Protein backbone atom coordinates (compact mmCIF):
# COMPACT_ATOMS: atom_id res chain seq x y z
CA MET A 1 -30.31 2.22 -12.19
CA ALA A 2 -27.03 3.95 -12.29
CA SER A 3 -25.46 1.69 -9.61
CA SER A 4 -26.74 -1.40 -11.52
CA SER A 5 -24.94 -0.06 -14.88
CA PHE A 6 -21.87 0.45 -12.78
CA VAL A 7 -21.84 -3.18 -11.71
CA ARG A 8 -22.62 -4.41 -15.32
CA ILE A 9 -19.61 -2.40 -16.49
CA THR A 10 -17.20 -3.37 -13.92
CA VAL A 11 -17.66 -7.25 -14.48
CA LEU A 12 -15.72 -6.66 -17.50
CA ILE A 13 -12.81 -5.20 -15.38
CA TRP A 14 -13.11 -8.36 -13.17
CA ALA A 15 -12.83 -10.65 -16.14
CA ASP A 16 -9.75 -8.52 -17.51
CA ILE A 17 -7.87 -9.08 -14.17
CA LEU A 18 -8.32 -12.82 -14.01
CA THR A 19 -7.50 -12.99 -17.84
CA ALA A 20 -4.31 -11.11 -17.27
CA TYR A 21 -3.00 -13.75 -14.66
CA ALA A 22 -3.89 -16.55 -16.94
CA LEU A 23 -2.19 -14.87 -19.84
CA PHE A 24 0.87 -14.08 -17.78
CA VAL A 25 2.11 -17.67 -18.03
CA MET A 26 1.71 -17.77 -21.70
CA MET A 27 5.50 -18.14 -21.95
CA GLN A 28 5.45 -21.16 -19.86
CA TYR A 29 2.73 -22.72 -21.90
CA LEU A 30 4.53 -22.32 -25.25
CA THR A 31 7.93 -23.52 -23.87
CA ASN A 32 6.71 -26.39 -21.90
CA VAL A 33 3.67 -27.65 -24.01
CA TRP A 34 4.51 -26.42 -27.52
CA LYS A 35 8.17 -26.83 -26.87
CA LEU A 36 9.12 -23.70 -28.57
CA ASN A 37 12.55 -22.22 -28.52
CA PHE A 38 12.50 -19.70 -25.71
CA THR A 39 13.49 -16.63 -28.12
CA HIS A 40 10.54 -17.87 -30.48
CA ALA A 41 8.05 -18.16 -27.57
CA ALA A 42 9.15 -14.71 -26.31
CA ALA A 43 8.54 -13.12 -29.86
CA ILE A 44 4.94 -14.40 -29.94
CA VAL A 45 4.25 -13.09 -26.41
CA ASN A 46 5.95 -9.71 -27.21
CA VAL A 47 4.42 -9.20 -30.61
CA PHE A 48 0.99 -10.13 -28.97
CA SER A 49 1.19 -7.72 -26.15
CA GLY A 50 2.92 -4.97 -28.34
CA VAL A 51 0.25 -5.16 -30.88
CA ALA A 52 -2.56 -5.16 -28.15
CA THR A 53 -1.33 -1.90 -26.59
CA ILE A 54 -0.58 -0.01 -29.84
CA MET A 55 -3.95 -0.84 -31.44
CA PRO A 56 -5.96 1.35 -28.93
CA ILE A 57 -4.67 4.37 -30.84
CA GLY A 58 -6.35 3.49 -34.16
CA MET A 59 -9.52 2.19 -32.24
CA ALA A 60 -9.78 5.57 -30.43
CA PHE A 61 -10.02 6.97 -34.06
CA LEU A 62 -12.81 4.62 -34.91
CA VAL A 63 -14.67 5.42 -31.61
CA ASP A 64 -14.48 9.14 -32.07
CA ALA A 65 -15.23 9.19 -35.85
CA PHE A 66 -17.85 6.40 -36.04
CA MET A 67 -18.63 3.85 -33.33
CA GLY A 68 -18.89 5.51 -29.84
CA ASP A 69 -17.63 3.76 -26.71
CA TYR A 70 -20.69 1.50 -26.25
CA TRP A 71 -20.31 -0.28 -29.72
CA MET A 72 -16.53 -0.58 -29.28
CA LEU A 73 -16.94 -2.06 -25.84
CA LEU A 74 -19.65 -4.56 -27.12
CA LEU A 75 -17.65 -5.74 -30.05
CA SER A 76 -14.31 -5.87 -28.32
CA SER A 77 -15.90 -7.91 -25.29
CA LEU A 78 -17.31 -10.31 -27.94
CA ALA A 79 -13.98 -10.57 -29.56
CA TYR A 80 -12.40 -11.20 -26.16
CA SER A 81 -15.07 -13.93 -25.28
CA PHE A 82 -14.46 -15.85 -28.60
CA GLY A 83 -10.68 -15.37 -28.29
CA LEU A 84 -10.48 -16.96 -24.95
CA SER A 85 -12.81 -19.48 -25.75
CA PHE A 86 -10.51 -20.42 -29.04
CA LEU A 87 -7.40 -20.32 -26.82
CA ALA A 88 -9.00 -22.86 -24.37
CA MET A 89 -9.91 -25.14 -27.38
CA SER A 90 -6.44 -24.95 -28.98
CA THR A 91 -4.98 -26.72 -26.02
CA PRO A 92 -4.23 -30.46 -26.27
CA HIS A 93 -7.04 -32.97 -25.87
CA VAL A 94 -9.99 -30.48 -26.44
CA LEU A 95 -9.91 -31.19 -30.11
CA PRO A 96 -8.02 -34.59 -30.26
CA ASP A 97 -6.72 -36.05 -33.36
CA ALA A 98 -8.05 -39.57 -33.63
CA ALA A 99 -4.91 -40.64 -35.74
CA ARG A 100 -2.59 -39.86 -32.93
CA ASN A 101 -2.24 -41.30 -29.53
CA CYS A 102 -0.65 -38.14 -28.10
CA ASP A 103 0.07 -36.89 -24.54
CA ALA A 104 -1.05 -33.57 -23.33
CA HIS A 105 2.44 -32.42 -22.53
CA LYS A 106 4.01 -33.12 -25.94
CA PRO A 107 3.99 -31.05 -29.24
CA ASP A 108 2.79 -34.03 -31.18
CA CYS A 109 -0.63 -33.24 -29.73
CA ILE A 110 -0.70 -29.78 -31.35
CA GLY A 111 -2.18 -30.17 -34.80
CA ASP A 112 -2.93 -27.71 -37.68
CA ALA A 113 -6.48 -27.26 -36.00
CA GLN A 114 -4.99 -26.30 -32.63
CA LYS A 115 -2.44 -23.95 -34.36
CA VAL A 116 -5.08 -22.14 -36.39
CA LEU A 117 -7.36 -21.75 -33.20
CA PHE A 118 -4.42 -20.50 -31.05
CA TYR A 119 -3.22 -17.75 -33.46
CA THR A 120 -6.75 -16.82 -34.34
CA ALA A 121 -7.29 -16.55 -30.51
CA LEU A 122 -4.43 -14.23 -30.17
CA VAL A 123 -5.76 -11.90 -32.82
CA LEU A 124 -9.09 -11.75 -31.19
CA ILE A 125 -7.82 -11.39 -27.62
CA ALA A 126 -5.58 -8.51 -28.85
CA ILE A 127 -8.62 -6.69 -30.37
CA GLY A 128 -10.52 -7.39 -27.01
CA ILE A 129 -7.80 -5.93 -24.81
CA SER A 130 -7.28 -2.91 -27.18
CA GLY A 131 -11.09 -2.27 -27.07
CA HIS A 132 -11.13 -2.40 -23.39
CA ILE A 133 -8.18 -0.14 -23.09
CA THR A 134 -9.84 2.33 -25.48
CA SER A 135 -13.26 2.54 -24.24
CA LEU A 136 -13.80 0.77 -20.83
CA GLU A 137 -12.59 3.61 -18.70
CA SER A 138 -14.14 6.38 -20.68
CA PHE A 139 -17.50 4.48 -20.91
CA LEU A 140 -17.57 3.95 -17.10
CA GLU A 141 -16.84 7.63 -16.54
CA GLN A 142 -19.78 8.37 -18.63
CA GLN A 143 -22.00 6.41 -16.47
CA LYS A 144 -20.57 7.85 -13.21
CA GLU A 145 -21.31 11.40 -14.53
CA ASN A 146 -24.93 10.18 -15.27
CA GLN A 147 -24.94 8.95 -11.59
CA THR A 148 -23.46 12.17 -10.23
CA SER A 149 -25.90 14.21 -11.89
CA ALA A 150 -28.88 12.37 -10.71
CA GLN A 151 -27.60 12.37 -7.17
CA GLU A 152 -27.14 16.14 -7.40
CA ASN A 153 -30.84 16.53 -8.44
CA SER A 154 -32.03 14.36 -5.31
CA GLU A 155 -32.13 15.72 -1.79
CA LYS A 156 -30.07 13.08 -0.28
CA PRO A 157 -27.50 11.03 -2.46
CA LYS A 158 -28.01 7.36 -1.85
CA PRO A 159 -24.89 5.20 -0.84
CA THR A 160 -23.64 2.72 -3.57
CA PRO A 161 -22.62 -0.43 -1.53
CA ARG A 162 -22.21 -2.10 -4.99
CA GLN A 163 -19.37 -0.03 -6.03
CA VAL A 164 -17.68 -0.79 -2.55
CA ALA A 165 -18.23 -4.45 -3.11
CA GLY A 166 -16.91 -4.26 -6.66
CA SER A 167 -13.56 -2.72 -5.41
CA LEU A 168 -13.17 -5.51 -2.89
CA PHE A 169 -13.97 -8.24 -5.56
CA VAL A 170 -11.07 -6.89 -7.69
CA VAL A 171 -8.71 -7.58 -4.83
CA LEU A 172 -10.31 -11.08 -4.33
CA LEU A 173 -9.88 -11.84 -8.06
CA ALA A 174 -6.14 -10.79 -8.03
CA ILE A 175 -5.66 -13.24 -5.34
CA VAL A 176 -7.59 -16.09 -7.05
CA GLY A 177 -5.65 -15.50 -10.24
CA CYS A 178 -2.34 -15.66 -8.33
CA ILE A 179 -3.01 -18.60 -6.17
CA ALA A 180 -5.78 -20.77 -7.59
CA LEU A 181 -5.50 -20.78 -11.23
CA PRO A 182 -1.75 -21.97 -11.37
CA TYR A 183 -2.57 -25.09 -9.28
CA ILE A 184 -5.03 -26.13 -12.21
CA LYS A 185 -2.85 -28.46 -14.24
CA PRO A 186 -4.87 -28.81 -17.39
CA TRP A 187 -4.21 -25.98 -19.57
CA SER A 188 -7.74 -26.18 -21.19
CA VAL A 189 -9.12 -25.47 -17.68
CA ARG A 190 -6.60 -22.92 -16.84
CA PHE A 191 -7.64 -20.90 -19.94
CA GLY A 192 -11.11 -21.89 -19.80
CA ILE A 193 -12.08 -20.42 -16.48
CA PRO A 194 -11.14 -16.95 -17.69
CA ALA A 195 -13.11 -17.66 -20.98
CA ILE A 196 -16.20 -18.61 -19.10
CA CYS A 197 -15.78 -15.46 -16.80
CA THR A 198 -15.56 -13.22 -19.90
CA VAL A 199 -18.41 -14.65 -21.67
CA VAL A 200 -20.46 -14.30 -18.50
CA ALA A 201 -19.25 -10.77 -17.95
CA THR A 202 -20.19 -9.75 -21.65
CA SER A 203 -23.72 -11.32 -21.12
CA ILE A 204 -24.00 -9.25 -18.04
CA PHE A 205 -22.79 -6.07 -19.76
CA THR A 206 -25.27 -6.44 -22.63
CA THR A 207 -28.25 -6.82 -20.27
CA GLY A 208 -27.84 -3.12 -19.46
CA SER A 209 -27.84 -1.84 -23.00
CA CYS A 210 -31.00 -0.04 -22.80
CA SER A 211 -29.99 1.79 -19.53
CA TYR A 212 -26.49 3.14 -20.50
CA ARG A 213 -25.87 6.69 -21.19
CA CYS A 214 -24.22 6.85 -24.62
CA SER A 215 -22.60 9.79 -26.27
CA ARG A 216 -22.38 10.47 -29.94
CA PRO A 217 -19.13 10.09 -31.88
CA PRO A 218 -17.50 13.65 -31.42
CA GLY A 219 -15.02 13.35 -34.31
CA SER A 220 -11.52 12.44 -34.10
CA PRO A 221 -8.61 14.98 -33.71
CA LEU A 222 -6.40 12.56 -35.79
CA THR A 223 -8.46 13.73 -38.79
CA THR A 224 -7.35 17.42 -38.06
CA LEU A 225 -3.70 16.13 -38.01
CA CYS A 226 -4.26 14.54 -41.43
CA ARG A 227 -6.10 17.72 -42.76
CA VAL A 228 -3.18 19.90 -41.64
CA PHE A 229 -0.58 17.64 -43.57
CA VAL A 230 -2.80 17.48 -46.66
CA ALA A 231 -3.62 21.21 -46.71
CA SER A 232 0.19 22.25 -46.33
CA ALA A 233 1.33 19.77 -48.88
CA SER A 234 -1.41 21.12 -51.49
CA LYS A 235 0.32 24.52 -51.01
CA THR A 236 3.76 23.64 -51.10
CA PHE A 237 4.65 26.12 -53.75
CA ARG A 238 2.91 29.09 -52.04
CA HIS A 239 4.75 31.75 -50.21
CA LEU A 240 3.93 32.30 -46.42
CA PRO A 241 2.56 35.57 -45.65
CA PRO A 242 4.26 37.97 -43.02
CA ASN A 243 3.73 36.65 -39.57
CA ASP A 244 0.62 38.41 -37.77
CA ILE A 245 2.07 40.48 -34.98
CA GLN A 246 -1.21 39.89 -32.97
CA GLU A 247 -1.50 36.10 -33.53
CA PRO A 248 2.00 34.92 -34.44
CA TYR A 249 2.92 31.28 -35.32
CA THR A 250 5.60 29.37 -33.47
CA ARG A 251 8.91 29.67 -35.51
CA SER A 252 9.29 25.79 -35.87
CA LEU A 253 7.78 23.73 -38.54
CA ARG A 254 6.98 26.76 -40.59
CA CYS A 255 6.15 24.65 -43.51
CA LEU A 256 2.81 23.65 -41.83
CA ASP A 257 1.84 27.19 -41.66
CA LYS A 258 0.72 27.12 -45.20
CA ALA A 259 -2.26 24.94 -44.31
CA ALA A 260 -3.79 28.16 -43.01
CA ILE A 261 -3.44 30.26 -46.24
CA GLU A 262 -6.69 31.13 -47.40
CA VAL A 263 -7.83 30.09 -50.86
CA GLN A 264 -10.82 31.31 -52.89
CA THR A 265 -13.81 29.15 -53.40
CA GLN A 266 -16.53 29.43 -56.09
CA ASN A 267 -19.14 26.80 -55.26
CA GLN A 268 -20.53 24.86 -52.40
CA GLU A 269 -18.45 21.73 -53.66
CA GLN A 270 -15.28 23.65 -53.38
CA ILE A 271 -16.22 24.87 -50.02
CA GLU A 272 -16.51 21.39 -48.72
CA GLN A 273 -13.30 20.40 -50.24
CA SER A 274 -11.54 23.41 -48.80
CA ARG A 275 -11.83 21.80 -45.51
CA TRP A 276 -9.00 19.72 -46.53
CA LYS A 277 -7.21 22.81 -48.03
CA LEU A 278 -7.79 25.26 -45.32
CA CYS A 279 -7.02 24.87 -41.45
CA THR A 280 -7.29 27.30 -38.66
CA ARG A 281 -4.21 28.56 -36.94
CA GLU A 282 -5.21 26.68 -33.86
CA GLU A 283 -5.22 23.31 -35.67
CA VAL A 284 -1.89 24.13 -37.21
CA GLU A 285 -0.30 24.82 -33.82
CA ASP A 286 -2.01 21.80 -32.22
CA THR A 287 -0.36 19.73 -34.95
CA LYS A 288 3.22 21.26 -34.23
CA MET A 289 2.87 20.42 -30.79
CA VAL A 290 2.14 16.67 -31.45
CA ILE A 291 5.17 16.65 -34.03
CA ARG A 292 7.42 18.40 -31.41
CA MET A 293 6.71 15.69 -28.88
CA ILE A 294 7.79 12.87 -31.11
CA PRO A 295 11.44 12.97 -30.19
CA MET A 296 10.65 12.81 -26.48
CA TRP A 297 8.10 10.07 -27.23
CA MET A 298 10.81 7.93 -28.95
CA THR A 299 13.10 7.91 -25.79
CA PHE A 300 10.26 6.20 -23.80
CA ILE A 301 10.47 3.12 -25.99
CA MET A 302 13.39 1.67 -24.32
CA CYS A 303 11.43 1.53 -20.92
CA GLY A 304 8.98 -0.62 -22.92
CA VAL A 305 11.78 -2.94 -24.24
CA VAL A 306 12.93 -3.46 -20.58
CA ILE A 307 9.41 -4.06 -19.26
CA SER A 308 8.80 -6.58 -21.93
CA ILE A 309 11.40 -9.03 -20.42
CA GLY A 310 9.37 -9.37 -17.28
CA ASN A 311 6.67 -11.95 -18.56
CA THR A 312 8.98 -13.67 -21.06
CA TYR A 313 12.78 -14.28 -20.24
CA PHE A 314 12.33 -13.66 -16.32
CA LEU A 315 9.51 -16.27 -16.38
CA ASP A 316 11.38 -18.77 -18.26
CA GLN A 317 14.41 -18.33 -15.87
CA ALA A 318 12.01 -19.08 -12.92
CA ASN A 319 10.56 -22.13 -14.71
CA ASP A 320 13.77 -24.39 -14.02
CA MET A 321 14.52 -22.92 -10.54
CA ASN A 322 13.36 -24.20 -7.13
CA ARG A 323 9.77 -22.96 -6.47
CA LYS A 324 9.43 -24.38 -3.02
CA VAL A 325 9.07 -22.72 0.20
CA GLY A 326 9.29 -25.53 2.69
CA GLU A 327 6.82 -28.01 1.44
CA LEU A 328 4.71 -25.49 -0.48
CA LYS A 329 5.23 -25.07 -4.05
CA VAL A 330 4.98 -21.33 -5.08
CA PRO A 331 3.32 -20.59 -8.56
CA LEU A 332 4.77 -18.28 -10.91
CA PRO A 333 2.07 -15.63 -11.02
CA ILE A 334 3.22 -14.75 -7.53
CA PHE A 335 5.65 -12.42 -9.28
CA LYS A 336 2.92 -10.80 -11.09
CA PHE A 337 1.20 -9.97 -7.66
CA PHE A 338 4.44 -8.38 -6.30
CA TYR A 339 5.03 -6.70 -9.55
CA ASP A 340 1.43 -5.02 -9.57
CA LEU A 341 1.84 -4.34 -5.76
CA VAL A 342 5.03 -2.38 -6.29
CA LYS A 343 3.91 -0.67 -9.48
CA ASP A 344 0.73 0.61 -7.53
CA LYS A 345 2.66 1.86 -4.61
CA PHE A 346 5.26 3.77 -6.61
CA HIS A 347 2.56 5.26 -8.73
CA LYS A 348 0.85 6.66 -5.60
CA LYS A 349 4.19 7.71 -3.91
CA TYR A 350 5.18 9.73 -6.92
CA VAL A 351 1.68 11.22 -7.24
CA LYS A 352 2.08 12.65 -3.81
CA LEU A 353 5.51 13.88 -4.48
CA THR A 354 4.54 15.60 -7.57
CA GLU A 355 1.55 17.35 -5.72
CA LYS A 356 4.21 18.79 -3.30
CA LEU A 357 6.43 19.97 -5.76
CA MET A 358 3.93 21.41 -8.07
CA ILE A 359 4.03 25.26 -8.75
CA PRO A 360 0.71 26.59 -9.58
CA GLY A 361 0.62 27.69 -13.31
CA LYS A 362 4.03 26.16 -13.93
CA TYR A 363 4.93 22.87 -15.51
CA VAL A 364 7.21 20.53 -13.33
CA PRO A 365 9.65 18.61 -15.75
CA PRO A 366 9.05 14.94 -15.77
CA PHE A 367 11.77 13.84 -13.44
CA GLY A 368 9.76 10.63 -12.85
CA ILE A 369 10.83 9.48 -16.32
CA PHE A 370 14.48 10.05 -15.38
CA VAL A 371 13.89 8.07 -12.31
CA ALA A 372 12.06 5.27 -14.16
CA MET A 373 14.91 4.93 -16.65
CA LEU A 374 17.57 4.69 -13.67
CA PHE A 375 15.32 1.83 -12.29
CA SER A 376 15.23 0.17 -15.70
CA ILE A 377 19.16 0.23 -15.74
CA LEU A 378 19.33 -1.16 -12.18
CA CYS A 379 16.74 -3.80 -13.10
CA CYS A 380 18.98 -4.98 -16.02
CA ILE A 381 22.09 -4.94 -13.85
CA THR A 382 20.36 -7.00 -11.27
CA ALA A 383 19.06 -9.38 -13.86
CA ALA A 384 22.45 -9.93 -15.40
CA GLY A 385 24.03 -10.61 -12.05
CA VAL A 386 21.25 -13.10 -11.13
CA GLU A 387 21.53 -14.99 -14.48
CA THR A 388 25.28 -15.31 -14.23
CA ARG A 389 24.75 -16.90 -10.71
CA ARG A 390 21.97 -19.22 -12.13
CA LEU A 391 24.21 -20.40 -15.13
CA ASP A 392 26.96 -20.89 -12.67
CA MET A 393 24.90 -23.32 -10.46
CA ILE A 394 23.83 -25.22 -13.60
CA ARG A 395 27.67 -25.79 -14.43
CA ARG A 396 28.70 -26.73 -10.98
CA HIS A 397 25.84 -29.19 -10.51
CA ARG A 398 26.21 -30.52 -14.14
CA LEU A 399 22.39 -30.00 -14.80
CA LEU A 400 22.75 -28.87 -18.32
CA ASP A 401 21.44 -32.10 -19.95
CA LYS A 402 19.19 -33.06 -16.85
CA LEU A 403 17.21 -30.08 -17.15
CA ASN A 404 15.21 -31.69 -20.03
CA ASP A 405 13.38 -33.51 -17.39
CA ASN A 406 10.49 -31.45 -16.06
CA ASN A 407 10.95 -32.80 -12.60
CA GLU A 408 14.74 -31.63 -12.44
CA LYS A 409 15.18 -28.28 -11.02
CA ILE A 410 18.14 -26.03 -10.28
CA PRO A 411 18.90 -25.71 -6.59
CA MET A 412 18.51 -22.15 -6.48
CA SER A 413 15.33 -20.39 -5.18
CA MET A 414 13.31 -18.56 -7.83
CA PHE A 415 13.15 -15.80 -5.52
CA TRP A 416 16.48 -14.71 -6.48
CA LEU A 417 14.39 -13.26 -9.23
CA LEU A 418 12.12 -11.18 -6.96
CA PRO A 419 14.32 -8.02 -6.81
CA GLN A 420 14.50 -7.46 -10.70
CA PHE A 421 10.67 -8.06 -10.69
CA LEU A 422 10.20 -5.32 -7.92
CA LEU A 423 12.42 -3.02 -9.80
CA LEU A 424 10.45 -3.74 -13.11
CA GLY A 425 7.31 -2.92 -11.23
CA ALA A 426 8.84 0.42 -10.01
CA VAL A 427 9.88 1.05 -13.58
CA GLU A 428 6.23 0.83 -14.89
CA GLY A 429 4.83 2.55 -11.90
CA MET A 430 6.90 5.58 -12.28
CA ALA A 431 6.91 5.61 -16.01
CA ASN A 432 3.11 5.29 -16.38
CA PHE A 433 2.23 8.27 -14.35
CA SER A 434 5.24 10.50 -15.66
CA ILE A 435 4.61 9.83 -19.30
CA ASP A 436 0.79 10.46 -18.71
CA GLN A 437 1.64 13.73 -17.01
CA PHE A 438 3.92 14.68 -19.83
CA PHE A 439 1.27 14.06 -22.51
CA ILE A 440 -1.49 15.72 -20.40
CA ASN A 441 0.43 18.92 -19.89
CA GLN A 442 2.15 19.01 -23.37
CA ALA A 443 -0.26 17.64 -25.83
CA PRO A 444 -3.09 19.93 -27.07
CA ALA A 445 -6.51 19.82 -25.58
CA SER A 446 -8.11 18.37 -28.53
CA MET A 447 -6.06 15.12 -27.91
CA SER A 448 -7.12 14.38 -24.51
CA ARG A 449 -8.72 11.26 -25.12
CA TYR A 450 -5.48 9.77 -26.81
CA LEU A 451 -3.16 10.80 -23.83
CA LYS A 452 -3.10 7.59 -21.98
CA LEU A 453 -3.31 5.54 -25.17
CA PHE A 454 0.09 7.13 -26.40
CA ARG A 455 1.63 5.76 -23.30
CA HIS A 456 0.20 2.45 -23.86
CA GLY A 457 1.55 2.67 -27.35
CA VAL A 458 4.94 3.53 -26.44
CA ILE A 459 5.32 0.55 -24.11
CA GLY A 460 3.76 -1.62 -26.83
CA ALA A 461 6.25 -0.32 -29.20
CA GLY A 462 9.09 -1.39 -26.87
CA ALA A 463 7.60 -4.79 -26.48
CA VAL A 464 7.62 -5.24 -30.49
CA GLY A 465 11.09 -3.56 -30.57
CA SER A 466 12.31 -6.18 -27.94
CA VAL A 467 11.94 -8.85 -30.76
CA LEU A 468 14.01 -6.90 -33.02
CA SER A 469 16.60 -6.21 -30.38
CA VAL A 470 16.95 -9.86 -29.53
CA TYR A 471 17.36 -10.64 -33.33
CA VAL A 472 20.05 -7.85 -33.80
CA VAL A 473 22.06 -8.80 -30.62
CA GLY A 474 21.99 -12.47 -31.52
CA LYS A 475 23.38 -11.64 -35.00
CA PHE A 476 25.92 -9.29 -33.60
CA SER A 477 27.05 -11.81 -30.86
CA GLU A 478 27.90 -14.59 -33.44
CA ARG A 479 30.35 -12.31 -35.59
CA GLY A 480 33.79 -13.77 -35.94
CA GLY A 481 32.57 -17.24 -35.61
CA ARG A 482 31.62 -16.97 -31.91
CA THR A 483 28.54 -18.77 -30.53
CA ASN A 484 25.14 -16.98 -30.62
CA TRP A 485 24.08 -15.84 -27.22
CA PHE A 486 20.80 -17.11 -28.08
CA GLN A 487 20.68 -21.00 -28.38
CA ASP A 488 17.79 -23.55 -28.60
CA THR A 489 17.38 -23.57 -24.73
CA LEU A 490 17.62 -20.92 -22.18
CA ASN A 491 20.21 -22.68 -20.18
CA LYS A 492 22.57 -22.95 -23.12
CA SER A 493 22.27 -19.38 -23.95
CA ARG A 494 23.93 -16.28 -22.56
CA LEU A 495 20.98 -14.26 -21.45
CA ASP A 496 23.20 -12.34 -18.86
CA ASN A 497 25.07 -10.88 -21.74
CA TYR A 498 21.85 -9.79 -23.37
CA TYR A 499 20.97 -8.07 -20.07
CA TRP A 500 24.11 -6.31 -19.93
CA THR A 501 23.58 -5.11 -23.52
CA LEU A 502 20.23 -3.73 -22.48
CA THR A 503 22.02 -1.93 -19.50
CA VAL A 504 24.31 -0.23 -21.95
CA LEU A 505 21.45 0.52 -24.29
CA SER A 506 19.39 1.82 -21.48
CA CYS A 507 22.16 4.08 -20.44
CA ILE A 508 22.72 5.49 -23.78
CA ASN A 509 18.86 6.01 -24.08
CA LEU A 510 18.99 7.88 -20.52
CA PHE A 511 21.72 10.26 -22.05
CA LEU A 512 19.51 10.80 -25.06
CA TYR A 513 16.51 11.64 -22.77
CA ILE A 514 18.42 14.15 -21.02
CA LEU A 515 19.54 15.79 -24.21
CA VAL A 516 16.01 15.91 -25.60
CA ALA A 517 14.61 17.04 -22.24
CA LEU A 518 16.84 20.01 -21.87
CA GLN A 519 16.19 21.14 -25.64
CA TYR A 520 12.41 20.65 -25.40
CA THR A 521 10.33 23.90 -24.76
CA TYR A 522 7.76 22.87 -22.03
CA ARG A 523 4.32 24.42 -22.16
CA ASP A 524 2.86 25.57 -18.80
CA PRO A 525 -0.51 24.09 -17.85
CA PRO A 526 -3.68 25.98 -18.76
CA ASN A 527 -4.99 28.60 -16.13
CA LYS A 528 -7.88 26.73 -14.38
CA ASP A 529 -9.19 29.76 -12.92
CA ALA A 530 -9.39 31.50 -16.27
CA ASP A 531 -11.19 28.40 -17.58
């Protein structure tokens, strides 16, 4: 029974993988079919991906305070299914306009109905992605714990071949998403296949509703943070008592210590209200830990800005380049395959390295974040050099006006872009584990559920921030009557200058990170033996 529950939940993961490859080429869909300006298309993609990775922090609050993992997973999977279905329906010819004789590859076929469906789909898909990030892993862990306890009670644990088959199927889905989906030309079918798979996966998931192990919402630690702020604000004019020698507060953020000043209560109603006027010392110290992490957290955002250019500007560059290897036309999602491969390899190598350097009872500073920031600088430098070469090829072959024809390609292999994709994969692989380790060791234990969500949130903040950076850099570049670096098309723009700007900003961010990291007071991990 437990093995069946495992399969019913992992089918959601399989659908997520296939959907990720379909959404990876969203930039290509918006520029080729909708004929949007490449900066407009990139803004839509980045805001969508940024919101989808920031929302899990708020959704985790709903899970802990009200819903529980099962209901979040069920509702988000339904939103995912409807969202992908709407996305497939928003493509040309699915809802044809009888008054128009439109072509599938022209924006004239995109009517108001398609636009409403498309943007509604993005909202629902973002909810689906956020809900899965929030609850899929934790709900699966609950079922594994149930299975483990059942096996421990039995004399001979039974093997679970379904779990092995499920892991192999994940690899097969990545290959299918990378190779098969891009060769399907109708966008309605290309988006429709992941939609059907998600609907089927959601249906399979719901069939096991009676057999799942569900835990009650434990209450959210974010509520505790709010209580500390409210309690300290309500006692703004009170004087702090002398610091207790046996149980002293930390010296920083002393204003929050007022949250623990006791107040006299007269009746039961006041006792209940005093929960928002009186906090424990542990709750105050946990809140201080979270606040002290914010400056370090802010320096991670630049990594998210750099990562966001991978599935937007990098792909738009590759779209007009030669994609053939011999007679074979290579699909764009091949970059995602290599990107994920390098990300996984760097993640594993860094894990092994930190295990060797780890000192028992001592926290090893997150040097992986420093390395990830170095890789982000190298990625931007490489991207700037390749874009300069690409623009030079366009000028030499006088292709600027001819590239409007979809059949005309730049005589330059798209695999010139592979090194920057590999570096980008290394950035995310190193940053993900390093940021996770920083939060796990430095955040209070009460925030354990939110630690990985903070990492998703900071990368998402970088994706949204990249939209602002493009706008600001564009406005700055046209000062003094000069030409804006971002024109109507990519090939008329100076994206290489933008990459150099990101290089400078990444260098400044690295310097700030070093300053903050040196000033930060690191907390050693708890003693496991004592626990």
